[in-house]
Amino acid sequence: MKIVKIIAVVLLVAFVGIQFVPTERNQSDVVPKTDFMLVNSVPDHIKSKLQTSCYDCHSNNTQYPWYNKVQPIAWFLEDHIKEGKAELNFNEWDSLSNRRKKSKLRSIIKQIESDEMPLDSYTLIHKDASFSKTEKQELIQWVEQLKDSI
């Protein structure tokens, strides 16, 4: 029984200790001129849905939840955001070539149609990030039009 207490104390100390390891915050007060919303005429209802459902992981300004202050959750979120931005960063949209933009738009359509995005792990906590059937159709239709206009 003494070994169990020792293991519990070590785990508790480790848990408390990792709370002091900082994470990189993905927050910026500046919206660059290359931002997707600035360079495209995005209807307000689509703009709002994109910001709610996509921009936390795919932009330079994440709205962090309260639990981001708890490790190892903060590490998971930091890694997730880095991966999302590496795949698509809406703040750098206008720096992409037209060919790359079309490719990204095709990918957006495909992932929304197949319910890959937004991720289930995200919508589990952020219920407002989920797309209704109507929102999904509107967004896909608008992205198709944008793709065709490039």
C-alpha atoms as a PDB file:
ATOM      1  CA  MET A   1       0.000   0.000   0.000  1.00  0.00           C
ATOM      2  CA  LYS A   2       2.951   2.297   0.647  1.00  0.00           C
ATOM      3  CA  ILE A   3       4.071   2.012  -3.000  1.00  0.00           C
ATOM      4  CA  VAL A   4       0.627   3.181  -4.182  1.00  0.00           C
ATOM      5  CA  LYS A   5       0.894   6.300  -1.988  1.00  0.00           C
ATOM      6  CA  ILE A   6       4.379   7.034  -3.326  1.00  0.00           C
ATOM      7  CA  ILE A   7       3.197   6.665  -6.920  1.00  0.00           C
ATOM      8  CA  ALA A   8       0.186   8.906  -6.216  1.00  0.00           C
ATOM      9  CA  VAL A   9       2.396  11.621  -4.680  1.00  0.00           C
ATOM     10  CA  VAL A  10       4.854  11.450  -7.596  1.00  0.00           C
ATOM     11  CA  LEU A  11       1.991  11.724 -10.113  1.00  0.00           C
ATOM     12  CA  LEU A  12       0.474  14.650  -8.208  1.00  0.00           C
ATOM     13  CA  VAL A  13       3.807  16.475  -8.068  1.00  0.00           C
ATOM     14  CA  ALA A  14       4.352  15.820 -11.791  1.00  0.00           C
ATOM     15  CA  PHE A  15       0.859  17.097 -12.617  1.00  0.00           C
ATOM     16  CA  VAL A  16       1.384  20.262 -10.581  1.00  0.00           C
ATOM     17  CA  GLY A  17       4.871  20.701 -12.058  1.00  0.00           C
ATOM     18  CA  ILE A  18       3.731  20.577 -15.678  1.00  0.00           C
ATOM     19  CA  GLN A  19       1.289  23.407 -14.994  1.00  0.00           C
ATOM     20  CA  PHE A  20       4.299  25.749 -15.009  1.00  0.00           C
ATOM     21  CA  VAL A  21       5.440  24.733 -18.500  1.00  0.00           C
ATOM     22  CA  PRO A  22       4.346  27.546 -20.835  1.00  0.00           C
ATOM     23  CA  THR A  23       2.644  27.058 -24.177  1.00  0.00           C
ATOM     24  CA  GLU A  24       2.754  29.256 -27.239  1.00  0.00           C
ATOM     25  CA  ARG A  25      -0.417  31.320 -27.580  1.00  0.00           C
ATOM     26  CA  ASN A  26      -1.925  31.785 -31.032  1.00  0.00           C
ATOM     27  CA  GLN A  27      -3.294  35.278 -30.555  1.00  0.00           C
ATOM     28  CA  SER A  28      -2.869  38.448 -32.554  1.00  0.00           C
ATOM     29  CA  ASP A  29      -4.615  41.799 -32.483  1.00  0.00           C
ATOM     30  CA  VAL A  30      -3.799  42.402 -36.137  1.00  0.00           C
ATOM     31  CA  VAL A  31      -5.909  41.120 -39.018  1.00  0.00           C
ATOM     32  CA  PRO A  32      -3.531  41.044 -41.991  1.00  0.00           C
ATOM     33  CA  LYS A  33      -4.529  42.423 -45.387  1.00  0.00           C
ATOM     34  CA  THR A  34      -4.194  38.884 -46.755  1.00  0.00           C
ATOM     35  CA  ASP A  35      -7.065  37.574 -44.612  1.00  0.00           C
ATOM     36  CA  PHE A  36      -9.725  35.490 -46.364  1.00  0.00           C
ATOM     37  CA  MET A  37     -12.565  37.685 -45.096  1.00  0.00           C
ATOM     38  CA  LEU A  38     -10.904  40.889 -46.285  1.00  0.00           C
ATOM     39  CA  VAL A  39     -10.024  39.781 -49.812  1.00  0.00           C
ATOM     40  CA  ASN A  40     -13.317  38.019 -50.570  1.00  0.00           C
ATOM     41  CA  SER A  41     -16.858  39.352 -50.434  1.00  0.00           C
ATOM     42  CA  VAL A  42     -18.088  36.997 -47.754  1.00  0.00           C
ATOM     43  CA  PRO A  43     -21.774  37.284 -46.824  1.00  0.00           C
ATOM     44  CA  ASP A  44     -22.274  38.083 -43.143  1.00  0.00           C
ATOM     45  CA  HIS A  45     -23.955  34.773 -42.249  1.00  0.00           C
ATOM     46  CA  ILE A  46     -21.112  32.778 -43.851  1.00  0.00           C
ATOM     47  CA  LYS A  47     -18.462  35.045 -42.329  1.00  0.00           C
ATOM     48  CA  SER A  48     -19.932  34.474 -38.885  1.00  0.00           C
ATOM     49  CA  LYS A  49     -20.060  30.690 -39.349  1.00  0.00           C
ATOM     50  CA  LEU A  50     -16.497  30.516 -40.681  1.00  0.00           C
ATOM     51  CA  GLN A  51     -15.206  32.508 -37.731  1.00  0.00           C
ATOM     52  CA  THR A  52     -17.103  30.323 -35.270  1.00  0.00           C
ATOM     53  CA  SER A  53     -16.302  26.985 -36.898  1.00  0.00           C
ATOM     54  CA  CYS A  54     -12.907  27.457 -38.538  1.00  0.00           C
ATOM     55  CA  TYR A  55     -10.882  30.444 -37.375  1.00  0.00           C
ATOM     56  CA  ASP A  56      -9.847  29.105 -33.955  1.00  0.00           C
ATOM     57  CA  CYS A  57      -7.642  26.472 -35.610  1.00  0.00           C
ATOM     58  CA  HIS A  58      -7.101  28.030 -39.040  1.00  0.00           C
ATOM     59  CA  SER A  59      -6.057  31.613 -38.286  1.00  0.00           C
ATOM     60  CA  ASN A  60      -3.551  33.575 -36.204  1.00  0.00           C
ATOM     61  CA  ASN A  61      -6.074  34.413 -33.505  1.00  0.00           C
ATOM     62  CA  THR A  62      -7.529  31.631 -31.399  1.00  0.00           C
ATOM     63  CA  GLN A  63     -10.248  32.336 -28.853  1.00  0.00           C
ATOM     64  CA  TYR A  64      -9.032  30.062 -26.078  1.00  0.00           C
ATOM     65  CA  PRO A  65     -11.415  28.255 -23.714  1.00  0.00           C
ATOM     66  CA  TRP A  66     -10.868  28.306 -19.951  1.00  0.00           C
ATOM     67  CA  TYR A  67      -9.438  24.775 -19.929  1.00  0.00           C
ATOM     68  CA  ASN A  68      -6.491  25.878 -22.083  1.00  0.00           C
ATOM     69  CA  LYS A  69      -4.737  26.833 -18.855  1.00  0.00           C
ATOM     70  CA  VAL A  70      -4.558  23.176 -17.748  1.00  0.00           C
ATOM     71  CA  GLN A  71      -1.729  20.934 -18.899  1.00  0.00           C
ATOM     72  CA  PRO A  72      -1.593  18.558 -20.755  1.00  0.00           C
ATOM     73  CA  ILE A  73      -4.734  19.923 -22.456  1.00  0.00           C
ATOM     74  CA  ALA A  74      -2.907  23.113 -23.449  1.00  0.00           C
ATOM     75  CA  TRP A  75      -0.220  21.058 -25.209  1.00  0.00           C
ATOM     76  CA  PHE A  76      -2.873  19.136 -27.126  1.00  0.00           C
ATOM     77  CA  LEU A  77      -4.598  22.360 -28.212  1.00  0.00           C
ATOM     78  CA  GLU A  78      -1.302  24.000 -29.176  1.00  0.00           C
ATOM     79  CA  ASP A  79      -0.363  21.030 -31.363  1.00  0.00           C
ATOM     80  CA  HIS A  80      -3.837  20.888 -32.890  1.00  0.00           C
ATOM     81  CA  ILE A  81      -3.752  24.591 -33.790  1.00  0.00           C
ATOM     82  CA  LYS A  82      -0.271  24.312 -35.326  1.00  0.00           C
ATOM     83  CA  GLU A  83      -1.462  21.420 -37.505  1.00  0.00           C
ATOM     84  CA  GLY A  84      -4.594  23.321 -38.542  1.00  0.00           C
ATOM     85  CA  LYS A  85      -2.642  26.439 -39.493  1.00  0.00           C
ATOM     86  CA  ALA A  86      -0.084  24.380 -41.411  1.00  0.00           C
ATOM     87  CA  GLU A  87      -2.900  22.945 -43.515  1.00  0.00           C
ATOM     88  CA  LEU A  88      -4.784  26.225 -43.992  1.00  0.00           C
ATOM     89  CA  ASN A  89      -4.326  29.642 -42.436  1.00  0.00           C
ATOM     90  CA  PHE A  90      -7.159  31.974 -43.421  1.00  0.00           C
ATOM     91  CA  ASN A  91      -5.051  34.979 -42.387  1.00  0.00           C
ATOM     92  CA  GLU A  92      -2.546  34.180 -45.158  1.00  0.00           C
ATOM     93  CA  TRP A  93      -5.137  33.461 -47.845  1.00  0.00           C
ATOM     94  CA  ASP A  94      -4.182  36.160 -50.340  1.00  0.00           C
ATOM     95  CA  SER A  95      -0.529  35.131 -50.282  1.00  0.00           C
ATOM     96  CA  LEU A  96      -1.496  31.821 -51.960  1.00  0.00           C
ATOM     97  CA  SER A  97      -1.407  31.375 -55.729  1.00  0.00           C
ATOM     98  CA  ASN A  98      -4.748  31.075 -57.529  1.00  0.00           C
ATOM     99  CA  ARG A  99      -4.027  27.404 -58.198  1.00  0.00           C
ATOM    100  CA  ARG A 100      -3.399  26.810 -54.472  1.00  0.00           C
ATOM    101  CA  LYS A 101      -6.537  28.767 -53.536  1.00  0.00           C
ATOM    102  CA  LYS A 102      -8.672  26.575 -55.790  1.00  0.00           C
ATOM    103  CA  SER A 103      -7.076  23.481 -54.300  1.00  0.00           C
ATOM    104  CA  LYS A 104      -7.799  24.704 -50.769  1.00  0.00           C
ATOM    105  CA  LEU A 105     -11.391  25.553 -51.697  1.00  0.00           C
ATOM    106  CA  ARG A 106     -11.903  22.069 -53.194  1.00  0.00           C
ATOM    107  CA  SER A 107     -10.501  20.623 -49.975  1.00  0.00           C
ATOM    108  CA  ILE A 108     -12.827  22.788 -47.856  1.00  0.00           C
ATOM    109  CA  ILE A 109     -15.830  21.596 -49.853  1.00  0.00           C
ATOM    110  CA  LYS A 110     -14.795  17.956 -49.614  1.00  0.00           C
ATOM    111  CA  GLN A 111     -14.149  18.106 -45.874  1.00  0.00           C
ATOM    112  CA  ILE A 112     -17.407  19.881 -45.098  1.00  0.00           C
ATOM    113  CA  GLU A 113     -19.401  17.494 -47.292  1.00  0.00           C
ATOM    114  CA  SER A 114     -17.833  14.470 -45.591  1.00  0.00           C
ATOM    115  CA  ASP A 115     -18.254  15.994 -42.084  1.00  0.00           C
ATOM    116  CA  GLU A 116     -14.487  15.934 -41.498  1.00  0.00           C
ATOM    117  CA  MET A 117     -14.534  19.620 -40.586  1.00  0.00           C
ATOM    118  CA  PRO A 118     -15.070  21.003 -38.113  1.00  0.00           C
ATOM    119  CA  LEU A 119     -13.591  18.166 -36.102  1.00  0.00           C
ATOM    120  CA  ASP A 120     -15.860  16.175 -33.811  1.00  0.00           C
ATOM    121  CA  SER A 121     -13.488  16.860 -30.914  1.00  0.00           C
ATOM    122  CA  TYR A 122     -14.038  20.592 -31.492  1.00  0.00           C
ATOM    123  CA  THR A 123     -17.811  20.505 -31.949  1.00  0.00           C
ATOM    124  CA  LEU A 124     -18.181  18.311 -28.881  1.00  0.00           C
ATOM    125  CA  ILE A 125     -17.388  21.340 -26.739  1.00  0.00           C
ATOM    126  CA  HIS A 126     -18.216  24.132 -29.214  1.00  0.00           C
ATOM    127  CA  LYS A 127     -21.769  23.185 -30.181  1.00  0.00           C
ATOM    128  CA  ASP A 128     -22.260  26.422 -32.133  1.00  0.00           C
ATOM    129  CA  ALA A 129     -19.422  25.382 -34.488  1.00  0.00           C
ATOM    130  CA  SER A 130     -21.457  22.518 -35.949  1.00  0.00           C
ATOM    131  CA  PHE A 131     -23.085  23.069 -39.331  1.00  0.00           C
ATOM    132  CA  SER A 132     -26.784  22.566 -39.769  1.00  0.00           C
ATOM    133  CA  LYS A 133     -27.829  20.946 -43.029  1.00  0.00           C
ATOM    134  CA  THR A 134     -28.851  24.352 -44.413  1.00  0.00           C
ATOM    135  CA  GLU A 135     -25.646  26.068 -43.281  1.00  0.00           C
ATOM    136  CA  LYS A 136     -23.622  23.286 -44.813  1.00  0.00           C
ATOM    137  CA  GLN A 137     -25.399  23.626 -48.177  1.00  0.00           C
ATOM    138  CA  GLU A 138     -25.107  27.425 -48.166  1.00  0.00           C
ATOM    139  CA  LEU A 139     -21.414  27.321 -47.317  1.00  0.00           C
ATOM    140  CA  ILE A 140     -20.609  24.670 -49.915  1.00  0.00           C
ATOM    141  CA  GLN A 141     -22.542  26.581 -52.572  1.00  0.00           C
ATOM    142  CA  TRP A 142     -20.772  29.842 -51.710  1.00  0.00           C
ATOM    143  CA  VAL A 143     -17.319  28.195 -51.682  1.00  0.00           C
ATOM    144  CA  GLU A 144     -18.092  26.587 -55.076  1.00  0.00           C
ATOM    145  CA  GLN A 145     -18.962  30.021 -56.485  1.00  0.00           C
ATOM    146  CA  LEU A 146     -15.782  31.505 -55.049  1.00  0.00           C
ATOM    147  CA  LYS A 147     -13.702  28.664 -56.508  1.00  0.00           C
ATOM    148  CA  ASP A 148     -15.257  29.175 -59.927  1.00  0.00           C
ATOM    149  CA  SER A 149     -14.562  32.922 -59.815  1.00  0.00           C
ATOM    150  CA  ILE A 150     -10.832  32.477 -59.208  1.00  0.00           C
END
